[in-house]
Amino acid sequence: MERRVVTRYNLQVPAQVETMLSSGDVQLYEWKTRDVSSSGAFLVTDDSQPLEKGTVIKVNLYLNSFSGDGSWVEMNGRVVRLENEGVGVCFDGQYQFVSNVPDLNM
């Protein structure tokens, strides 16, 4: 039975993901989304499973516009589902547009 109350969109956009390691260092991943909603996203992790369920992450998504210009949107989230091809993330509901996200090699 489907539990979602928000619409999920098939949207493949670049995603920069940061997580804090136990050493205090930041680990950076460059992935893409498979789908996105206002409450979360599925991130395709390229055949690796580096994150565990419950991991707190920061996600930057690049949202393009019809004019060709786009914006980075930053939000915090938590890994809530693991699959062979990636991870499901639930966002905390807060987001901000940012301009200082580095270029992704995607």
N, C-alpha and C. Protein backbone atom coordinates (compact mmCIF):
# COMPACT_ATOMS: atom_id res chain seq x y z
N MET A 1 0.84 -1.18 0.00
CA MET A 1 0.00 0.00 0.00
C MET A 1 0.89 1.25 0.00
N GLU A 2 0.61 2.18 -0.85
CA GLU A 2 1.37 3.43 -0.98
C GLU A 2 1.04 4.35 0.19
N ARG A 3 2.09 4.85 0.90
CA ARG A 3 1.88 5.72 2.06
C ARG A 3 2.15 7.18 1.76
N ARG A 4 2.66 7.50 0.59
CA ARG A 4 3.01 8.88 0.27
C ARG A 4 1.77 9.75 0.14
N VAL A 5 1.88 10.99 0.64
CA VAL A 5 0.79 11.94 0.51
C VAL A 5 1.16 13.10 -0.39
N VAL A 6 2.39 13.11 -0.92
CA VAL A 6 2.83 14.14 -1.86
C VAL A 6 3.15 13.49 -3.19
N THR A 7 3.09 14.27 -4.25
CA THR A 7 3.35 13.76 -5.59
C THR A 7 4.85 13.59 -5.80
N ARG A 8 5.21 12.45 -6.37
CA ARG A 8 6.60 12.15 -6.71
C ARG A 8 6.75 12.34 -8.22
N TYR A 9 7.85 13.01 -8.63
CA TYR A 9 8.09 13.29 -10.04
C TYR A 9 9.32 12.54 -10.52
N ASN A 10 9.23 11.92 -11.70
CA ASN A 10 10.40 11.31 -12.32
C ASN A 10 11.28 12.44 -12.82
N LEU A 11 12.33 12.72 -12.08
CA LEU A 11 13.18 13.87 -12.37
C LEU A 11 14.63 13.48 -12.09
N GLN A 12 15.43 13.46 -13.13
CA GLN A 12 16.84 13.11 -12.99
C GLN A 12 17.66 14.39 -13.04
N VAL A 13 18.18 14.80 -11.89
CA VAL A 13 19.00 16.01 -11.79
C VAL A 13 20.26 15.68 -10.98
N PRO A 14 21.34 16.45 -11.21
CA PRO A 14 22.56 16.24 -10.41
C PRO A 14 22.28 16.47 -8.92
N ALA A 15 22.89 15.63 -8.11
CA ALA A 15 22.75 15.75 -6.66
C ALA A 15 24.12 15.64 -6.02
N GLN A 16 24.47 16.64 -5.23
CA GLN A 16 25.70 16.59 -4.45
C GLN A 16 25.28 16.28 -3.02
N VAL A 17 25.87 15.23 -2.46
CA VAL A 17 25.47 14.74 -1.14
C VAL A 17 26.68 14.79 -0.20
N GLU A 18 26.47 15.33 0.98
CA GLU A 18 27.52 15.39 2.00
C GLU A 18 27.05 14.66 3.25
N THR A 19 27.98 13.94 3.86
CA THR A 19 27.71 13.30 5.14
C THR A 19 28.94 13.42 6.02
N MET A 20 28.73 13.45 7.31
CA MET A 20 29.83 13.58 8.27
C MET A 20 30.29 12.20 8.70
N LEU A 21 31.58 11.94 8.56
CA LEU A 21 32.15 10.67 9.00
C LEU A 21 32.41 10.71 10.50
N SER A 22 32.60 9.57 11.12
CA SER A 22 32.86 9.51 12.56
C SER A 22 34.15 10.24 12.92
N SER A 23 35.07 10.37 11.97
CA SER A 23 36.33 11.08 12.20
C SER A 23 36.14 12.59 12.21
N GLY A 24 34.94 13.05 11.81
CA GLY A 24 34.68 14.48 11.73
C GLY A 24 34.89 15.03 10.32
N ASP A 25 35.45 14.22 9.42
CA ASP A 25 35.63 14.63 8.04
C ASP A 25 34.30 14.57 7.29
N VAL A 26 34.20 15.37 6.24
CA VAL A 26 33.01 15.36 5.40
C VAL A 26 33.28 14.49 4.18
N GLN A 27 32.35 13.57 3.90
CA GLN A 27 32.44 12.73 2.70
C GLN A 27 31.49 13.31 1.67
N LEU A 28 31.97 13.49 0.44
CA LEU A 28 31.18 14.07 -0.63
C LEU A 28 30.89 13.03 -1.70
N TYR A 29 29.64 12.98 -2.17
CA TYR A 29 29.23 12.08 -3.25
C TYR A 29 28.57 12.91 -4.34
N GLU A 30 28.75 12.53 -5.58
CA GLU A 30 28.09 13.18 -6.71
C GLU A 30 27.25 12.14 -7.43
N TRP A 31 25.94 12.22 -7.26
CA TRP A 31 25.01 11.27 -7.80
C TRP A 31 23.97 11.99 -8.64
N LYS A 32 22.91 11.28 -9.00
CA LYS A 32 21.74 11.87 -9.66
C LYS A 32 20.49 11.35 -8.98
N THR A 33 19.42 12.11 -9.13
CA THR A 33 18.14 11.65 -8.60
C THR A 33 17.46 10.75 -9.62
N ARG A 34 16.61 9.88 -9.13
CA ARG A 34 15.72 9.10 -9.99
C ARG A 34 14.33 9.72 -9.98
N ASP A 35 13.93 10.17 -8.78
CA ASP A 35 12.67 10.88 -8.63
C ASP A 35 12.77 11.81 -7.43
N VAL A 36 11.89 12.82 -7.42
CA VAL A 36 11.93 13.86 -6.39
C VAL A 36 10.51 14.23 -6.01
N SER A 37 10.30 14.51 -4.73
CA SER A 37 9.04 15.08 -4.26
C SER A 37 9.38 16.19 -3.28
N SER A 38 8.37 16.86 -2.78
CA SER A 38 8.63 17.93 -1.80
C SER A 38 9.13 17.38 -0.47
N SER A 39 8.94 16.08 -0.24
CA SER A 39 9.35 15.50 1.04
C SER A 39 10.57 14.58 0.95
N GLY A 40 11.07 14.32 -0.27
CA GLY A 40 12.22 13.43 -0.37
C GLY A 40 12.62 13.17 -1.80
N ALA A 41 13.58 12.25 -1.95
CA ALA A 41 14.09 11.90 -3.28
C ALA A 41 14.69 10.51 -3.22
N PHE A 42 14.84 9.91 -4.40
CA PHE A 42 15.61 8.68 -4.52
C PHE A 42 16.89 9.04 -5.24
N LEU A 43 18.04 8.70 -4.64
CA LEU A 43 19.35 9.01 -5.20
C LEU A 43 20.00 7.75 -5.75
N VAL A 44 20.36 7.78 -7.02
CA VAL A 44 21.02 6.65 -7.67
C VAL A 44 22.49 6.71 -7.30
N THR A 45 23.00 5.62 -6.69
CA THR A 45 24.36 5.64 -6.13
C THR A 45 25.38 4.87 -6.95
N ASP A 46 25.10 4.58 -8.21
CA ASP A 46 26.08 3.95 -9.10
C ASP A 46 26.65 2.65 -8.56
N ASP A 47 25.79 1.71 -8.23
CA ASP A 47 26.19 0.35 -7.83
C ASP A 47 26.96 0.27 -6.52
N SER A 48 27.00 1.33 -5.75
CA SER A 48 27.64 1.24 -4.44
C SER A 48 26.60 1.58 -3.38
N GLN A 49 26.82 1.17 -2.18
CA GLN A 49 25.89 1.43 -1.08
C GLN A 49 26.68 2.02 0.09
N PRO A 50 27.17 3.25 -0.07
CA PRO A 50 28.04 3.82 0.96
C PRO A 50 27.31 4.34 2.20
N LEU A 51 26.01 4.51 2.14
CA LEU A 51 25.27 5.08 3.27
C LEU A 51 24.39 4.03 3.91
N GLU A 52 24.20 4.17 5.21
CA GLU A 52 23.33 3.27 5.96
C GLU A 52 22.00 3.95 6.23
N LYS A 53 20.99 3.15 6.46
CA LYS A 53 19.68 3.67 6.84
C LYS A 53 19.84 4.50 8.11
N GLY A 54 19.23 5.69 8.13
CA GLY A 54 19.33 6.58 9.28
C GLY A 54 20.42 7.62 9.16
N THR A 55 21.30 7.51 8.15
CA THR A 55 22.38 8.47 7.96
C THR A 55 21.81 9.86 7.66
N VAL A 56 22.30 10.86 8.38
CA VAL A 56 21.90 12.25 8.15
C VAL A 56 22.79 12.81 7.06
N ILE A 57 22.18 13.48 6.08
CA ILE A 57 22.93 14.00 4.95
C ILE A 57 22.49 15.41 4.61
N LYS A 58 23.35 16.12 3.86
CA LYS A 58 22.98 17.38 3.24
C LYS A 58 22.93 17.12 1.74
N VAL A 59 21.87 17.56 1.08
CA VAL A 59 21.68 17.31 -0.34
C VAL A 59 21.57 18.65 -1.07
N ASN A 60 22.34 18.79 -2.16
CA ASN A 60 22.21 19.93 -3.06
C ASN A 60 21.73 19.40 -4.39
N LEU A 61 20.56 19.87 -4.85
CA LEU A 61 20.01 19.47 -6.13
C LEU A 61 20.09 20.63 -7.10
N TYR A 62 20.47 20.32 -8.35
CA TYR A 62 20.54 21.34 -9.38
C TYR A 62 19.25 21.31 -10.17
N LEU A 63 18.46 22.36 -10.04
CA LEU A 63 17.17 22.45 -10.73
C LEU A 63 17.31 23.40 -11.90
N ASN A 64 17.18 22.87 -13.10
CA ASN A 64 17.34 23.64 -14.32
C ASN A 64 16.02 24.33 -14.66
N SER A 65 16.12 25.39 -15.44
CA SER A 65 14.91 26.08 -15.89
C SER A 65 14.83 25.98 -17.41
N PHE A 66 13.71 26.37 -17.96
CA PHE A 66 13.53 26.32 -19.41
C PHE A 66 14.49 27.25 -20.13
N SER A 67 14.94 28.30 -19.47
CA SER A 67 15.86 29.25 -20.11
C SER A 67 17.29 28.73 -20.15
N GLY A 68 17.54 27.61 -19.49
CA GLY A 68 18.89 27.06 -19.47
C GLY A 68 19.65 27.41 -18.20
N ASP A 69 19.18 28.41 -17.48
CA ASP A 69 19.78 28.75 -16.20
C ASP A 69 19.16 27.87 -15.14
N GLY A 70 19.91 27.59 -14.11
CA GLY A 70 19.37 26.76 -13.06
C GLY A 70 19.78 27.28 -11.70
N SER A 71 19.31 26.62 -10.66
CA SER A 71 19.61 27.00 -9.29
C SER A 71 19.90 25.76 -8.48
N TRP A 72 20.78 25.91 -7.50
CA TRP A 72 21.05 24.85 -6.54
C TRP A 72 20.13 25.04 -5.35
N VAL A 73 19.51 23.96 -4.92
CA VAL A 73 18.65 23.97 -3.74
C VAL A 73 19.28 23.03 -2.72
N GLU A 74 19.48 23.55 -1.51
CA GLU A 74 20.12 22.77 -0.45
C GLU A 74 19.11 22.41 0.62
N MET A 75 19.13 21.14 1.04
CA MET A 75 18.26 20.71 2.12
C MET A 75 18.94 19.60 2.91
N ASN A 76 18.51 19.41 4.12
CA ASN A 76 19.00 18.32 4.96
C ASN A 76 18.00 17.18 4.90
N GLY A 77 18.52 15.98 5.09
CA GLY A 77 17.64 14.83 5.05
C GLY A 77 18.24 13.65 5.78
N ARG A 78 17.55 12.53 5.66
CA ARG A 78 17.95 11.29 6.33
C ARG A 78 17.65 10.13 5.39
N VAL A 79 18.56 9.17 5.32
CA VAL A 79 18.35 7.98 4.51
C VAL A 79 17.30 7.11 5.18
N VAL A 80 16.22 6.81 4.44
CA VAL A 80 15.13 6.03 5.01
C VAL A 80 14.92 4.69 4.29
N ARG A 81 15.56 4.50 3.13
CA ARG A 81 15.38 3.26 2.38
C ARG A 81 16.64 2.93 1.60
N LEU A 82 17.01 1.66 1.58
CA LEU A 82 18.16 1.18 0.80
C LEU A 82 17.66 0.23 -0.27
N GLU A 83 18.13 0.43 -1.50
CA GLU A 83 17.84 -0.48 -2.60
C GLU A 83 19.14 -0.76 -3.32
N ASN A 84 19.14 -1.74 -4.20
CA ASN A 84 20.36 -2.08 -4.94
C ASN A 84 20.92 -0.91 -5.73
N GLU A 85 20.02 -0.11 -6.32
CA GLU A 85 20.50 0.97 -7.17
C GLU A 85 20.66 2.31 -6.47
N GLY A 86 20.29 2.41 -5.18
CA GLY A 86 20.45 3.68 -4.51
C GLY A 86 19.76 3.75 -3.16
N VAL A 87 19.49 5.01 -2.74
CA VAL A 87 18.91 5.24 -1.42
C VAL A 87 17.72 6.20 -1.51
N GLY A 88 16.73 5.95 -0.67
CA GLY A 88 15.60 6.86 -0.51
C GLY A 88 15.90 7.81 0.63
N VAL A 89 15.64 9.10 0.40
CA VAL A 89 15.95 10.14 1.38
C VAL A 89 14.68 10.91 1.73
N CYS A 90 14.49 11.17 3.01
CA CYS A 90 13.39 12.01 3.49
C CYS A 90 13.98 13.36 3.88
N PHE A 91 13.46 14.45 3.30
CA PHE A 91 13.95 15.79 3.62
C PHE A 91 13.33 16.29 4.92
N ASP A 92 14.01 17.25 5.58
CA ASP A 92 13.52 17.77 6.85
C ASP A 92 12.49 18.90 6.69
N GLY A 93 12.19 19.29 5.44
CA GLY A 93 11.17 20.31 5.21
C GLY A 93 11.73 21.71 5.05
N GLN A 94 12.99 21.91 5.37
CA GLN A 94 13.63 23.21 5.22
C GLN A 94 14.53 23.18 3.99
N TYR A 95 14.58 24.24 3.22
CA TYR A 95 15.47 24.32 2.07
C TYR A 95 15.89 25.75 1.85
N GLN A 96 16.97 25.90 1.09
CA GLN A 96 17.42 27.23 0.70
C GLN A 96 18.09 27.16 -0.66
N PHE A 97 17.96 28.23 -1.41
CA PHE A 97 18.66 28.34 -2.69
C PHE A 97 20.07 28.83 -2.40
N VAL A 98 21.06 28.19 -3.01
CA VAL A 98 22.46 28.54 -2.76
C VAL A 98 23.16 28.76 -4.10
N SER A 99 24.25 29.51 -4.06
CA SER A 99 24.99 29.79 -5.30
C SER A 99 26.43 29.31 -5.23
N ASN A 100 26.86 28.75 -4.11
CA ASN A 100 28.26 28.41 -3.94
C ASN A 100 28.57 26.92 -4.04
N VAL A 101 27.72 26.16 -4.70
CA VAL A 101 27.96 24.72 -4.85
C VAL A 101 28.92 24.53 -6.02
N PRO A 102 29.99 23.76 -5.84
CA PRO A 102 30.95 23.57 -6.92
C PRO A 102 30.36 22.81 -8.11
N ASP A 103 30.98 22.97 -9.27
CA ASP A 103 30.56 22.26 -10.47
C ASP A 103 30.71 20.76 -10.25
N LEU A 104 29.76 20.01 -10.78
CA LEU A 104 29.80 18.56 -10.69
C LEU A 104 30.32 17.99 -12.00
N ASN A 105 31.05 16.93 -11.92
CA ASN A 105 31.57 16.26 -13.11
C ASN A 105 30.61 15.17 -13.54
N MET A 106 29.44 15.55 -14.02
CA MET A 106 28.41 14.57 -14.38
C MET A 106 28.07 14.69 -15.84
